[in-house]
PDB file of N, CA and C in Angstrom:
ATOM      1  N   MET A   1      -8.196   8.321  -1.148  1.00  0.00           N
ATOM      2  CA  MET A   1      -8.332   6.887  -1.189  1.00  0.00           C
ATOM      3  C   MET A   1      -6.943   6.265  -1.336  1.00  0.00           C
ATOM      4  N   ILE A   2      -6.679   5.257  -0.553  1.00  0.00           N
ATOM      5  CA  ILE A   2      -5.439   4.489  -0.654  1.00  0.00           C
ATOM      6  C   ILE A   2      -5.818   3.058  -1.001  1.00  0.00           C
ATOM      7  N   GLN A   3      -5.156   2.517  -2.015  1.00  0.00           N
ATOM      8  CA  GLN A   3      -5.380   1.130  -2.396  1.00  0.00           C
ATOM      9  C   GLN A   3      -4.025   0.486  -2.649  1.00  0.00           C
ATOM     10  N   VAL A   4      -3.742  -0.602  -1.936  1.00  0.00           N
ATOM     11  CA  VAL A   4      -2.476  -1.320  -2.064  1.00  0.00           C
ATOM     12  C   VAL A   4      -2.787  -2.776  -2.386  1.00  0.00           C
ATOM     13  N   GLU A   5      -2.097  -3.313  -3.379  1.00  0.00           N
ATOM     14  CA  GLU A   5      -2.285  -4.710  -3.759  1.00  0.00           C
ATOM     15  C   GLU A   5      -0.936  -5.360  -4.033  1.00  0.00           C
ATOM     16  N   ILE A   6      -0.817  -6.604  -3.624  1.00  0.00           N
ATOM     17  CA  ILE A   6       0.323  -7.432  -4.017  1.00  0.00           C
ATOM     18  C   ILE A   6      -0.277  -8.583  -4.805  1.00  0.00           C
ATOM     19  N   ILE A   7       0.189  -8.738  -6.041  1.00  0.00           N
ATOM     20  CA  ILE A   7      -0.426  -9.724  -6.924  1.00  0.00           C
ATOM     21  C   ILE A   7       0.621 -10.669  -7.499  1.00  0.00           C
ATOM     22  N   ASN A   8       0.172 -11.850  -7.863  1.00  0.00           N
ATOM     23  CA  ASN A   8       1.009 -12.830  -8.537  1.00  0.00           C
ATOM     24  C   ASN A   8       0.475 -12.946  -9.957  1.00  0.00           C
ATOM     25  N   GLY A   9       1.050 -12.192 -10.849  1.00  0.00           N
ATOM     26  CA  GLY A   9       0.593 -12.170 -12.233  1.00  0.00           C
ATOM     27  C   GLY A   9       0.835 -10.802 -12.825  1.00  0.00           C
ATOM     28  N   PRO A  10       0.506 -10.638 -14.087  1.00  0.00           N
ATOM     29  CA  PRO A  10       0.765  -9.361 -14.757  1.00  0.00           C
ATOM     30  C   PRO A  10       0.074  -8.189 -14.066  1.00  0.00           C
ATOM     31  N   ILE A  11       0.749  -7.061 -14.077  1.00  0.00           N
ATOM     32  CA  ILE A  11       0.195  -5.840 -13.493  1.00  0.00           C
ATOM     33  C   ILE A  11      -0.625  -5.125 -14.560  1.00  0.00           C
ATOM     34  N   THR A  12      -1.846  -4.794 -14.196  1.00  0.00           N
ATOM     35  CA  THR A  12      -2.696  -3.989 -15.067  1.00  0.00           C
ATOM     36  C   THR A  12      -2.837  -2.614 -14.432  1.00  0.00           C
ATOM     37  N   PRO A  13      -2.947  -1.574 -15.238  1.00  0.00           N
ATOM     38  CA  PRO A  13      -3.046  -0.224 -14.675  1.00  0.00           C
ATOM     39  C   PRO A  13      -4.329  -0.032 -13.868  1.00  0.00           C
ATOM     40  N   PHE A  14      -4.239   0.813 -12.848  1.00  0.00           N
ATOM     41  CA  PHE A  14      -5.435   1.219 -12.126  1.00  0.00           C
ATOM     42  C   PHE A  14      -6.236   2.129 -13.042  1.00  0.00           C
ATOM     43  N   PRO A  15      -7.552   2.115 -12.925  1.00  0.00           N
ATOM     44  CA  PRO A  15      -8.345   3.025 -13.757  1.00  0.00           C
ATOM     45  C   PRO A  15      -8.070   4.478 -13.384  1.00  0.00           C
ATOM     46  N   SER A  16      -8.025   5.336 -14.368  1.00  0.00           N
ATOM     47  CA  SER A  16      -7.798   6.756 -14.134  1.00  0.00           C
ATOM     48  C   SER A  16      -9.127   7.430 -13.843  1.00  0.00           C
ATOM     49  N   ASP A  17      -9.214   8.033 -12.667  1.00  0.00           N
ATOM     50  CA  ASP A  17     -10.434   8.740 -12.275  1.00  0.00           C
ATOM     51  C   ASP A  17     -10.029  10.075 -11.674  1.00  0.00           C
ATOM     52  N   ASN A  18      -9.616  10.982 -12.518  1.00  0.00           N
ATOM     53  CA  ASN A  18      -9.161  12.278 -12.041  1.00  0.00           C
ATOM     54  C   ASN A  18     -10.368  13.173 -11.779  1.00  0.00           C
ATOM     55  N   SER A  19     -11.144  12.810 -10.756  1.00  0.00           N
ATOM     56  CA  SER A  19     -12.379  13.535 -10.459  1.00  0.00           C
ATOM     57  C   SER A  19     -12.163  14.704  -9.504  1.00  0.00           C
ATOM     58  N   HIS A  20     -10.967  14.836  -8.954  1.00  0.00           N
ATOM     59  CA  HIS A  20     -10.669  15.957  -8.062  1.00  0.00           C
ATOM     60  C   HIS A  20     -10.331  17.185  -8.906  1.00  0.00           C
ATOM     61  N   GLN A  21     -11.133  18.219  -8.796  1.00  0.00           N
ATOM     62  CA  GLN A  21     -10.942  19.425  -9.603  1.00  0.00           C
ATOM     63  C   GLN A  21      -9.613  20.119  -9.310  1.00  0.00           C
ATOM     64  N   ASP A  22      -9.082  19.924  -8.109  1.00  0.00           N
ATOM     65  CA  ASP A  22      -7.829  20.575  -7.731  1.00  0.00           C
ATOM     66  C   ASP A  22      -6.595  19.861  -8.281  1.00  0.00           C
ATOM     67  N   ASP A  23      -6.766  18.640  -8.772  1.00  0.00           N
ATOM     68  CA  ASP A  23      -5.623  17.881  -9.274  1.00  0.00           C
ATOM     69  C   ASP A  23      -5.160  18.434 -10.610  1.00  0.00           C
ATOM     70  N   GLY A  24      -3.889  18.747 -10.686  1.00  0.00           N
ATOM     71  CA  GLY A  24      -3.332  19.237 -11.934  1.00  0.00           C
ATOM     72  C   GLY A  24      -2.594  18.168 -12.704  1.00  0.00           C
ATOM     73  N   ALA A  25      -2.470  16.966 -12.111  1.00  0.00           N
ATOM     74  CA  ALA A  25      -1.711  15.916 -12.790  1.00  0.00           C
ATOM     75  C   ALA A  25      -1.996  14.562 -12.165  1.00  0.00           C
ATOM     76  N   GLU A  26      -1.627  13.548 -12.916  1.00  0.00           N
ATOM     77  CA  GLU A  26      -1.588  12.183 -12.414  1.00  0.00           C
ATOM     78  C   GLU A  26      -0.169  11.683 -12.645  1.00  0.00           C
ATOM     79  N   LEU A  27       0.333  10.913 -11.723  1.00  0.00           N
ATOM     80  CA  LEU A  27       1.670  10.358 -11.853  1.00  0.00           C
ATOM     81  C   LEU A  27       1.558   8.846 -11.857  1.00  0.00           C
ATOM     82  N   VAL A  28       2.170   8.225 -12.858  1.00  0.00           N
ATOM     83  CA  VAL A  28       2.178   6.773 -12.962  1.00  0.00           C
ATOM     84  C   VAL A  28       3.633   6.331 -13.033  1.00  0.00           C
ATOM     85  N   PHE A  29       3.995   5.374 -12.193  1.00  0.00           N
ATOM     86  CA  PHE A  29       5.344   4.818 -12.222  1.00  0.00           C
ATOM     87  C   PHE A  29       5.225   3.316 -12.404  1.00  0.00           C
ATOM     88  N   ASN A  30       5.874   2.794 -13.427  1.00  0.00           N
ATOM     89  CA  ASN A  30       5.934   1.356 -13.654  1.00  0.00           C
ATOM     90  C   ASN A  30       7.384   0.921 -13.602  1.00  0.00           C
ATOM     91  N   GLY A  31       7.759   0.220 -12.549  1.00  0.00           N
ATOM     92  CA  GLY A  31       9.097  -0.351 -12.482  1.00  0.00           C
ATOM     93  C   GLY A  31       9.153  -1.582 -13.368  1.00  0.00           C
ATOM     94  N   ARG A  32      10.206  -1.715 -14.144  1.00  0.00           N
ATOM     95  CA  ARG A  32      10.332  -2.842 -15.068  1.00  0.00           C
ATOM     96  C   ARG A  32      11.636  -3.586 -14.823  1.00  0.00           C
ATOM     97  N   VAL A  33      11.617  -4.877 -15.106  1.00  0.00           N
ATOM     98  CA  VAL A  33      12.817  -5.700 -14.992  1.00  0.00           C
ATOM     99  C   VAL A  33      13.716  -5.386 -16.182  1.00  0.00           C
ATOM    100  N   ARG A  34      14.953  -4.994 -15.876  1.00  0.00           N
ATOM    101  CA  ARG A  34      15.939  -4.683 -16.923  1.00  0.00           C
ATOM    102  C   ARG A  34      16.653  -5.956 -17.362  1.00  0.00           C
ATOM    103  N   ASP A  35      17.258  -5.903 -18.545  1.00  0.00           N
ATOM    104  CA  ASP A  35      17.947  -7.083 -19.069  1.00  0.00           C
ATOM    105  C   ASP A  35      19.390  -7.197 -18.603  1.00  0.00           C
ATOM    106  N   ILE A  36      19.961  -6.106 -18.095  1.00  0.00           N
ATOM    107  CA  ILE A  36      21.344  -6.131 -17.608  1.00  0.00           C
ATOM    108  C   ILE A  36      21.417  -5.339 -16.311  1.00  0.00           C
ATOM    109  N   GLU A  37      22.099  -5.888 -15.335  1.00  0.00           N
ATOM    110  CA  GLU A  37      22.323  -5.202 -14.060  1.00  0.00           C
ATOM    111  C   GLU A  37      23.754  -5.477 -13.634  1.00  0.00           C
ATOM    112  N   HIS A  38      24.536  -4.429 -13.420  1.00  0.00           N
ATOM    113  CA  HIS A  38      25.950  -4.548 -13.025  1.00  0.00           C
ATOM    114  C   HIS A  38      26.723  -5.437 -14.002  1.00  0.00           C
ATOM    115  N   GLY A  39      26.417  -5.296 -15.299  1.00  0.00           N
ATOM    116  CA  GLY A  39      27.119  -6.050 -16.327  1.00  0.00           C
ATOM    117  C   GLY A  39      26.665  -7.492 -16.480  1.00  0.00           C
ATOM    118  N   GLU A  40      25.703  -7.918 -15.704  1.00  0.00           N
ATOM    119  CA  GLU A  40      25.210  -9.303 -15.760  1.00  0.00           C
ATOM    120  C   GLU A  40      23.887  -9.356 -16.518  1.00  0.00           C
ATOM    121  N   ASN A  41      23.744 -10.361 -17.391  1.00  0.00           N
ATOM    122  CA  ASN A  41      22.485 -10.560 -18.106  1.00  0.00           C
ATOM    123  C   ASN A  41      21.421 -11.101 -17.164  1.00  0.00           C
ATOM    124  N   ILE A  42      20.219 -10.603 -17.328  1.00  0.00           N
ATOM    125  CA  ILE A  42      19.090 -11.037 -16.502  1.00  0.00           C
ATOM    126  C   ILE A  42      18.010 -11.576 -17.426  1.00  0.00           C
ATOM    127  N   ILE A  43      17.434 -12.698 -17.059  1.00  0.00           N
ATOM    128  CA  ILE A  43      16.318 -13.283 -17.806  1.00  0.00           C
ATOM    129  C   ILE A  43      15.002 -12.934 -17.120  1.00  0.00           C
ATOM    130  N   ALA A  44      15.018 -13.015 -15.791  1.00  0.00           N
ATOM    131  CA  ALA A  44      13.812 -12.737 -15.004  1.00  0.00           C
ATOM    132  C   ALA A  44      14.228 -12.521 -13.555  1.00  0.00           C
ATOM    133  N   LEU A  45      13.329 -11.955 -12.783  1.00  0.00           N
ATOM    134  CA  LEU A  45      13.504 -11.846 -11.334  1.00  0.00           C
ATOM    135  C   LEU A  45      12.394 -12.630 -10.661  1.00  0.00           C
ATOM    136  N   GLU A  46      12.681 -13.149  -9.497  1.00  0.00           N
ATOM    137  CA  GLU A  46      11.683 -13.873  -8.707  1.00  0.00           C
ATOM    138  C   GLU A  46      11.466 -13.079  -7.429  1.00  0.00           C
ATOM    139  N   TYR A  47      10.287 -12.458  -7.314  1.00  0.00           N
ATOM    140  CA  TYR A  47       9.949 -11.664  -6.134  1.00  0.00           C
ATOM    141  C   TYR A  47       9.211 -12.535  -5.132  1.00  0.00           C
ATOM    142  N   GLU A  48       9.640 -12.451  -3.879  1.00  0.00           N
ATOM    143  CA  GLU A  48       8.975 -13.157  -2.789  1.00  0.00           C
ATOM    144  C   GLU A  48       8.445 -12.133  -1.798  1.00  0.00           C
ATOM    145  N   GLN A  49       7.561 -12.575  -0.931  1.00  0.00           N
ATOM    146  CA  GLN A  49       7.045 -11.691   0.108  1.00  0.00           C
ATOM    147  C   GLN A  49       6.818 -12.485   1.384  1.00  0.00           C
ATOM    148  N   TYR A  50       6.903 -11.778   2.483  1.00  0.00           N
ATOM    149  CA  TYR A  50       6.478 -12.326   3.762  1.00  0.00           C
ATOM    150  C   TYR A  50       5.010 -11.948   3.856  1.00  0.00           C
ATOM    151  N   GLU A  51       4.133 -12.925   3.591  1.00  0.00           N
ATOM    152  CA  GLU A  51       2.705 -12.645   3.451  1.00  0.00           C
ATOM    153  C   GLU A  51       2.144 -11.921   4.671  1.00  0.00           C
ATOM    154  N   GLY A  52       1.408 -10.884   4.414  1.00  0.00           N
ATOM    155  CA  GLY A  52       0.830 -10.071   5.475  1.00  0.00           C
ATOM    156  C   GLY A  52       1.705  -8.885   5.814  1.00  0.00           C
ATOM    157  N   MET A  53       2.987  -9.100   5.958  1.00  0.00           N
ATOM    158  CA  MET A  53       3.902  -8.021   6.327  1.00  0.00           C
ATOM    159  C   MET A  53       4.149  -7.067   5.155  1.00  0.00           C
ATOM    160  N   ALA A  54       4.346  -7.608   3.967  1.00  0.00           N
ATOM    161  CA  ALA A  54       4.660  -6.769   2.803  1.00  0.00           C
ATOM    162  C   ALA A  54       3.527  -5.787   2.515  1.00  0.00           C
ATOM    163  N   GLU A  55       2.304  -6.260   2.497  1.00  0.00           N
ATOM    164  CA  GLU A  55       1.166  -5.374   2.223  1.00  0.00           C
ATOM    165  C   GLU A  55       0.994  -4.345   3.335  1.00  0.00           C
ATOM    166  N   THR A  56       1.194  -4.754   4.575  1.00  0.00           N
ATOM    167  CA  THR A  56       1.093  -3.829   5.706  1.00  0.00           C
ATOM    168  C   THR A  56       2.118  -2.713   5.583  1.00  0.00           C
ATOM    169  N   GLU A  57       3.349  -3.050   5.226  1.00  0.00           N
ATOM    170  CA  GLU A  57       4.399  -2.041   5.093  1.00  0.00           C
ATOM    171  C   GLU A  57       4.125  -1.096   3.923  1.00  0.00           C
ATOM    172  N   LEU A  58       3.635  -1.625   2.806  1.00  0.00           N
ATOM    173  CA  LEU A  58       3.294  -0.763   1.675  1.00  0.00           C
ATOM    174  C   LEU A  58       2.162   0.193   2.049  1.00  0.00           C
ATOM    175  N   LYS A  59       1.191  -0.296   2.806  1.00  0.00           N
ATOM    176  CA  LYS A  59       0.087   0.568   3.255  1.00  0.00           C
ATOM    177  C   LYS A  59       0.601   1.673   4.166  1.00  0.00           C
ATOM    178  N   LYS A  60       1.534   1.335   5.065  1.00  0.00           N
ATOM    179  CA  LYS A  60       2.101   2.359   5.951  1.00  0.00           C
ATOM    180  C   LYS A  60       2.828   3.434   5.147  1.00  0.00           C
ATOM    181  N   LEU A  61       3.615   3.023   4.157  1.00  0.00           N
ATOM    182  CA  LEU A  61       4.315   3.988   3.304  1.00  0.00           C
ATOM    183  C   LEU A  61       3.327   4.862   2.539  1.00  0.00           C
ATOM    184  N   ALA A  62       2.270   4.262   2.044  1.00  0.00           N
ATOM    185  CA  ALA A  62       1.253   5.026   1.313  1.00  0.00           C
ATOM    186  C   ALA A  62       0.575   6.038   2.231  1.00  0.00           C
ATOM    187  N   GLU A  63       0.227   5.621   3.440  1.00  0.00           N
ATOM    188  CA  GLU A  63      -0.420   6.525   4.396  1.00  0.00           C
ATOM    189  C   GLU A  63       0.501   7.683   4.771  1.00  0.00           C
ATOM    190  N   GLU A  64       1.785   7.396   4.980  1.00  0.00           N
ATOM    191  CA  GLU A  64       2.754   8.453   5.292  1.00  0.00           C
ATOM    192  C   GLU A  64       2.854   9.452   4.141  1.00  0.00           C
ATOM    193  N   THR A  65       2.836   8.952   2.918  1.00  0.00           N
ATOM    194  CA  THR A  65       2.928   9.819   1.743  1.00  0.00           C
ATOM    195  C   THR A  65       1.719  10.740   1.648  1.00  0.00           C
ATOM    196  N   VAL A  66       0.526  10.179   1.851  1.00  0.00           N
ATOM    197  CA  VAL A  66      -0.708  10.971   1.765  1.00  0.00           C
ATOM    198  C   VAL A  66      -0.771  12.018   2.877  1.00  0.00           C
ATOM    199  N   GLN A  67      -0.225  11.687   4.047  1.00  0.00           N
ATOM    200  CA  GLN A  67      -0.209  12.656   5.151  1.00  0.00           C
ATOM    201  C   GLN A  67       0.799  13.777   4.901  1.00  0.00           C
ATOM    202  N   LYS A  68       1.909  13.443   4.259  1.00  0.00           N
ATOM    203  CA  LYS A  68       2.989  14.408   4.070  1.00  0.00           C
ATOM    204  C   LYS A  68       2.774  15.320   2.854  1.00  0.00           C
ATOM    205  N   TYR A  69       2.146  14.801   1.808  1.00  0.00           N
ATOM    206  CA  TYR A  69       1.985  15.541   0.556  1.00  0.00           C
ATOM    207  C   TYR A  69       0.503  15.675   0.203  1.00  0.00           C
ATOM    208  N   PRO A  70       0.161  16.688  -0.590  1.00  0.00           N
ATOM    209  CA  PRO A  70      -1.244  16.890  -0.961  1.00  0.00           C
ATOM    210  C   PRO A  70      -1.695  15.909  -2.053  1.00  0.00           C
ATOM    211  N   VAL A  71      -1.746  14.637  -1.699  1.00  0.00           N
ATOM    212  CA  VAL A  71      -2.147  13.579  -2.623  1.00  0.00           C
ATOM    213  C   VAL A  71      -3.587  13.188  -2.296  1.00  0.00           C
ATOM    214  N   HIS A  72      -4.447  13.168  -3.313  1.00  0.00           N
ATOM    215  CA  HIS A  72      -5.837  12.782  -3.084  1.00  0.00           C
ATOM    216  C   HIS A  72      -6.011  11.266  -3.083  1.00  0.00           C
ATOM    217  N   ASP A  73      -5.438  10.607  -4.061  1.00  0.00           N
ATOM    218  CA  ASP A  73      -5.565   9.155  -4.193  1.00  0.00           C
ATOM    219  C   ASP A  73      -4.188   8.552  -4.429  1.00  0.00           C
ATOM    220  N   LEU A  74      -3.944   7.393  -3.839  1.00  0.00           N
ATOM    221  CA  LEU A  74      -2.678   6.701  -4.039  1.00  0.00           C
ATOM    222  C   LEU A  74      -2.991   5.230  -4.254  1.00  0.00           C
ATOM    223  N   PHE A  75      -2.586   4.731  -5.411  1.00  0.00           N
ATOM    224  CA  PHE A  75      -2.795   3.332  -5.744  1.00  0.00           C
ATOM    225  C   PHE A  75      -1.424   2.688  -5.929  1.00  0.00           C
ATOM    226  N   CYS A  76      -1.187   1.584  -5.258  1.00  0.00           N
ATOM    227  CA  CYS A  76       0.107   0.897  -5.332  1.00  0.00           C
ATOM    228  C   CYS A  76      -0.143  -0.579  -5.607  1.00  0.00           C
ATOM    229  N   ARG A  77       0.514  -1.068  -6.631  1.00  0.00           N
ATOM    230  CA  ARG A  77       0.388  -2.483  -6.980  1.00  0.00           C
ATOM    231  C   ARG A  77       1.806  -3.024  -7.145  1.00  0.00           C
ATOM    232  N   HIS A  78       2.132  -4.085  -6.409  1.00  0.00           N
ATOM    233  CA  HIS A  78       3.458  -4.709  -6.507  1.00  0.00           C
ATOM    234  C   HIS A  78       3.269  -6.181  -6.826  1.00  0.00           C
ATOM    235  N   ARG A  79       4.225  -6.707  -7.532  1.00  0.00           N
ATOM    236  CA  ARG A  79       4.104  -8.071  -8.036  1.00  0.00           C
ATOM    237  C   ARG A  79       5.019  -9.027  -7.282  1.00  0.00           C
ATOM    238  N   VAL A  80       4.559 -10.247  -7.109  1.00  0.00           N
ATOM    239  CA  VAL A  80       5.388 -11.325  -6.583  1.00  0.00           C
ATOM    240  C   VAL A  80       5.435 -12.431  -7.634  1.00  0.00           C
ATOM    241  N   GLY A  81       6.367 -13.342  -7.448  1.00  0.00           N
ATOM    242  CA  GLY A  81       6.523 -14.425  -8.410  1.00  0.00           C
ATOM    243  C   GLY A  81       7.545 -14.059  -9.471  1.00  0.00           C
ATOM    244  N   LYS A  82       7.564 -14.843 -10.533  1.00  0.00           N
ATOM    245  CA  LYS A  82       8.529 -14.638 -11.616  1.00  0.00           C
ATOM    246  C   LYS A  82       8.088 -13.469 -12.493  1.00  0.00           C
ATOM    247  N   VAL A  83       9.026 -12.537 -12.718  1.00  0.00           N
ATOM    248  CA  VAL A  83       8.770 -11.369 -13.568  1.00  0.00           C
ATOM    249  C   VAL A  83       9.868 -11.338 -14.633  1.00  0.00           C
ATOM    250  N   ASN A  84       9.485 -11.502 -15.864  1.00  0.00           N
ATOM    251  CA  ASN A  84      10.437 -11.546 -16.972  1.00  0.00           C
ATOM    252  C   ASN A  84      10.943 -10.155 -17.338  1.00  0.00           C
ATOM    253  N   VAL A  85      12.063 -10.122 -18.049  1.00  0.00           N
ATOM    254  CA  VAL A  85      12.633  -8.864 -18.533  1.00  0.00           C
ATOM    255  C   VAL A  85      11.568  -8.100 -19.320  1.00  0.00           C
ATOM    256  N   GLY A  86      11.470  -6.804 -19.036  1.00  0.00           N
ATOM    257  CA  GLY A  86      10.523  -5.944 -19.729  1.00  0.00           C
ATOM    258  C   GLY A  86       9.158  -5.867 -19.084  1.00  0.00           C
ATOM    259  N   GLU A  87       8.858  -6.780 -18.173  1.00  0.00           N
ATOM    260  CA  GLU A  87       7.555  -6.766 -17.506  1.00  0.00           C
ATOM    261  C   GLU A  87       7.590  -5.847 -16.295  1.00  0.00           C
ATOM    262  N   ALA A  88       6.433  -5.301 -15.952  1.00  0.00           N
ATOM    263  CA  ALA A  88       6.311  -4.431 -14.784  1.00  0.00           C
ATOM    264  C   ALA A  88       6.330  -5.265 -13.512  1.00  0.00           C
ATOM    265  N   SER A  89       7.004  -4.709 -12.510  1.00  0.00           N
ATOM    266  CA  SER A  89       7.091  -5.419 -11.237  1.00  0.00           C
ATOM    267  C   SER A  89       6.370  -4.664 -10.141  1.00  0.00           C
TER     268      SER A  89
END
C-alpha cells in the first residue's frame, strides 16, 4: 500500500499496522525545522507547493522505492504552510 498526503497543518503519525509477518521492522522518519542553519537563526519555514505536481512527484518516488526495495507499505506525509522550529515538516 502506498499513501501520500500533503497537508497544511500539524503532522500526525500514520497508524502502525505491522500485519505483514515477513516485516522485521518499521521505519519512521520525521524531518523537523531546526533553529539554526548555516549560522543563521530560524523562527519558522514556509513551505509552498505547486498544487497537483508535488503530490504526483511524491507518489512517483514512493512507487519507485516500493519497486526497488522489499517494502510492503509506504506512507508519506509532507507539510505545506508555516512550520515553526521543532515541528515536523
